[in-house]
C-alpha atoms as a PDB file:
ATOM      1  CA  MET A   1     144.561 111.233 174.050  1.00  0.00           C
ATOM      2  CA  SER A   2     141.928 113.404 175.606  1.00  0.00           C
ATOM      3  CA  LEU A   3     139.130 112.052 178.016  1.00  0.00           C
ATOM      4  CA  GLN A   4     135.721 112.289 176.881  1.00  0.00           C
ATOM      5  CA  LEU A   5     133.896 115.233 179.065  1.00  0.00           C
ATOM      6  CA  ARG A   6     130.107 114.802 179.981  1.00  0.00           C
ATOM      7  CA  PRO A   7     127.784 117.529 179.765  1.00  0.00           C
ATOM      8  CA  ALA A   8     126.368 116.819 183.148  1.00  0.00           C
ATOM      9  CA  ALA A   9     126.517 114.837 186.078  1.00  0.00           C
ATOM     10  CA  GLY A  10     123.545 114.992 188.661  1.00  0.00           C
ATOM     11  CA  PRO A  11     122.956 118.913 189.626  1.00  0.00           C
ATOM     12  CA  LEU A  12     126.595 119.715 188.239  1.00  0.00           C
ATOM     13  CA  SER A  13     126.356 120.872 184.755  1.00  0.00           C
ATOM     14  CA  PHE A  14     128.903 122.708 182.468  1.00  0.00           C
ATOM     15  CA  THR A  15     126.252 125.269 181.820  1.00  0.00           C
ATOM     16  CA  ARG A  16     125.259 125.786 185.463  1.00  0.00           C
ATOM     17  CA  LEU A  17     128.886 126.063 186.384  1.00  0.00           C
ATOM     18  CA  LYS A  18     129.835 128.437 183.371  1.00  0.00           C
ATOM     19  CA  TRP A  19     126.658 130.817 184.612  1.00  0.00           C
ATOM     20  CA  THR A  20     127.668 130.801 188.226  1.00  0.00           C
ATOM     21  CA  SER A  21     131.422 131.844 187.116  1.00  0.00           C
ATOM     22  CA  PHE A  22     129.945 134.540 185.002  1.00  0.00           C
ATOM     23  CA  THR A  23     127.901 135.644 187.874  1.00  0.00           C
ATOM     24  CA  HIS A  24     130.951 135.571 190.382  1.00  0.00           C
ATOM     25  CA  SER A  25     132.879 137.648 187.994  1.00  0.00           C
ATOM     26  CA  CYS A  26     130.160 140.369 187.985  1.00  0.00           C
ATOM     27  CA  VAL A  27     130.099 140.438 191.730  1.00  0.00           C
ATOM     28  CA  TYR A  28     133.910 140.609 191.819  1.00  0.00           C
ATOM     29  CA  LEU A  29     133.618 143.537 189.307  1.00  0.00           C
ATOM     30  CA  ALA A  30     131.277 145.059 191.476  1.00  0.00           C
ATOM     31  CA  LEU A  31     133.558 144.560 194.471  1.00  0.00           C
ATOM     32  CA  LEU A  32     136.320 146.296 192.718  1.00  0.00           C
ATOM     33  CA  LEU A  33     134.232 149.156 191.575  1.00  0.00           C
ATOM     34  CA  SER A  34     132.776 149.690 195.215  1.00  0.00           C
ATOM     35  CA  ALA A  35     136.353 149.422 196.876  1.00  0.00           C
ATOM     36  CA  PHE A  36     138.396 151.394 194.395  1.00  0.00           C
ATOM     37  CA  ALA A  37     135.984 154.012 192.552  1.00  0.00           C
ATOM     38  CA  ALA A  38     133.212 154.579 195.181  1.00  0.00           C
ATOM     39  CA  GLY A  39     135.188 154.886 197.950  1.00  0.00           C
ATOM     40  CA  LYS A  40     134.734 151.857 199.789  1.00  0.00           C
ATOM     41  CA  PRO A  41     130.835 152.420 200.850  1.00  0.00           C
ATOM     42  CA  GLU A  42     129.883 150.213 203.586  1.00  0.00           C
ATOM     43  CA  PRO A  43     127.910 147.855 204.291  1.00  0.00           C
ATOM     44  CA  LEU A  44     128.069 147.408 200.487  1.00  0.00           C
ATOM     45  CA  THR A  45     131.695 146.690 200.302  1.00  0.00           C
ATOM     46  CA  PHE A  46     131.510 144.057 202.868  1.00  0.00           C
ATOM     47  CA  ALA A  47     128.430 142.302 201.317  1.00  0.00           C
ATOM     48  CA  LEU A  48     130.241 142.142 197.956  1.00  0.00           C
ATOM     49  CA  GLY A  49     133.491 140.863 199.653  1.00  0.00           C
ATOM     50  CA  LEU A  50     131.479 138.176 201.428  1.00  0.00           C
ATOM     51  CA  ALA A  51     129.708 137.270 198.402  1.00  0.00           C
ATOM     52  CA  HIS A  52     132.811 136.875 196.274  1.00  0.00           C
ATOM     53  CA  GLY A  53     134.565 134.804 199.140  1.00  0.00           C
ATOM     54  CA  LEU A  54     131.757 132.536 199.313  1.00  0.00           C
ATOM     55  CA  LEU A  55     131.448 132.011 195.675  1.00  0.00           C
ATOM     56  CA  TRP A  56     134.658 131.204 195.378  1.00  0.00           C
ATOM     57  CA  ILE A  57     134.674 128.746 197.940  1.00  0.00           C
ATOM     58  CA  PHE A  58     131.291 127.296 196.360  1.00  0.00           C
ATOM     59  CA  MET A  59     132.694 127.230 193.006  1.00  0.00           C
ATOM     60  CA  SER A  60     136.245 125.710 193.925  1.00  0.00           C
ATOM     61  CA  MET A  61     134.441 122.864 195.638  1.00  0.00           C
ATOM     62  CA  ALA A  62     131.878 122.400 192.784  1.00  0.00           C
ATOM     63  CA  CYS A  63     134.538 122.325 190.113  1.00  0.00           C
ATOM     64  CA  ILE A  64     136.746 119.995 192.018  1.00  0.00           C
ATOM     65  CA  ALA A  65     133.880 117.675 192.108  1.00  0.00           C
ATOM     66  CA  ALA A  66     132.923 118.158 188.504  1.00  0.00           C
ATOM     67  CA  ALA A  67     136.623 117.730 187.159  1.00  0.00           C
ATOM     68  CA  ARG A  68     136.565 114.292 189.149  1.00  0.00           C
ATOM     69  CA  LEU A  69     133.144 113.425 187.615  1.00  0.00           C
ATOM     70  CA  ARG A  70     134.620 114.622 184.150  1.00  0.00           C
ATOM     71  CA  VAL A  71     131.908 117.252 183.582  1.00  0.00           C
ATOM     72  CA  VAL A  72     134.963 120.002 183.402  1.00  0.00           C
ATOM     73  CA  SER A  73     138.595 119.459 182.421  1.00  0.00           C
ATOM     74  CA  LEU A  74     141.271 119.661 185.114  1.00  0.00           C
ATOM     75  CA  LYS A  75     142.708 122.881 183.353  1.00  0.00           C
ATOM     76  CA  LEU A  76     139.438 124.653 184.008  1.00  0.00           C
ATOM     77  CA  ALA A  77     139.310 123.539 187.462  1.00  0.00           C
ATOM     78  CA  VAL A  78     142.737 124.687 188.279  1.00  0.00           C
ATOM     79  CA  ALA A  79     141.934 128.156 186.868  1.00  0.00           C
ATOM     80  CA  VAL A  80     138.803 128.307 189.012  1.00  0.00           C
ATOM     81  CA  VAL A  81     140.252 127.142 192.187  1.00  0.00           C
ATOM     82  CA  VAL A  82     143.891 128.643 191.992  1.00  0.00           C
ATOM     83  CA  LEU A  83     143.216 131.752 190.193  1.00  0.00           C
ATOM     84  CA  GLY A  84     139.717 132.349 190.994  1.00  0.00           C
ATOM     85  CA  GLY A  85     140.754 133.680 194.617  1.00  0.00           C
ATOM     86  CA  ILE A  86     142.830 136.256 192.940  1.00  0.00           C
ATOM     87  CA  GLY A  87     140.064 137.158 190.201  1.00  0.00           C
ATOM     88  CA  PRO A  88     137.239 135.166 188.681  1.00  0.00           C
ATOM     89  CA  PHE A  89     137.642 136.427 185.551  1.00  0.00           C
ATOM     90  CA  PHE A  90     140.136 133.732 184.852  1.00  0.00           C
ATOM     91  CA  GLY A  91     137.604 130.961 185.260  1.00  0.00           C
ATOM     92  CA  SER A  92     134.972 132.757 183.235  1.00  0.00           C
ATOM     93  CA  TYR A  93     137.592 132.871 180.527  1.00  0.00           C
ATOM     94  CA  GLN A  94     138.527 129.359 180.721  1.00  0.00           C
ATOM     95  CA  PHE A  95     134.876 128.293 180.481  1.00  0.00           C
ATOM     96  CA  ILE A  96     134.446 130.214 177.217  1.00  0.00           C
ATOM     97  CA  ARG A  97     137.565 128.536 175.961  1.00  0.00           C
ATOM     98  CA  GLU A  98     136.379 125.246 176.946  1.00  0.00           C
ATOM     99  CA  GLN A  99     132.970 125.590 175.326  1.00  0.00           C
ATOM    100  CA  ARG A 100     134.627 126.612 172.171  1.00  0.00           C
ATOM    101  CA  GLU A 101     136.714 123.436 172.411  1.00  0.00           C
ATOM    102  CA  ARG A 102     133.507 121.277 173.228  1.00  0.00           C
ATOM    103  CA  ALA A 103     131.644 122.785 170.129  1.00  0.00           C
ATOM    104  CA  PRO A 104     133.212 120.991 167.251  1.00  0.00           C
ATOM    105  CA  ARG A 105     133.447 117.512 169.208  1.00  0.00           C
ATOM    106  CA  GLN A 106     129.554 117.822 169.962  1.00  0.00           C
ATOM    107  CA  ARG A 107     128.818 118.611 166.409  1.00  0.00           C
ATOM    108  CA  ALA A 108     130.945 115.563 165.235  1.00  0.00           C
ATOM    109  CA  SER A 109     129.205 113.287 167.700  1.00  0.00           C
ATOM    110  CA  ALA A 110     125.972 114.157 166.319  1.00  0.00           C
ATOM    111  CA  GLN A 111     126.666 113.315 162.843  1.00  0.00           C
END
């Protein structure tokens, strides 16, 4: 028995959260490249690290709220909150998986 997920609840929508997660992954990739491949140029590395930390906090709070409102699955929220601090790629990957799982259900409900 699976719970029916909503596409949005107020300003929290699956699409907005997904694109924010992709943006977070790009910021994190830039941070990794800056820190390890470019020799830690300052203040760029600091700014990217700060952006990553703030985005992770924002995404964690937003995904917890979205899971409670049934906009995203608990599995996706856990991927963002628990694994997002280590690497936001886990959350972005989970958004892609959940979008693929939703597609057949949305087509079936439209018929």
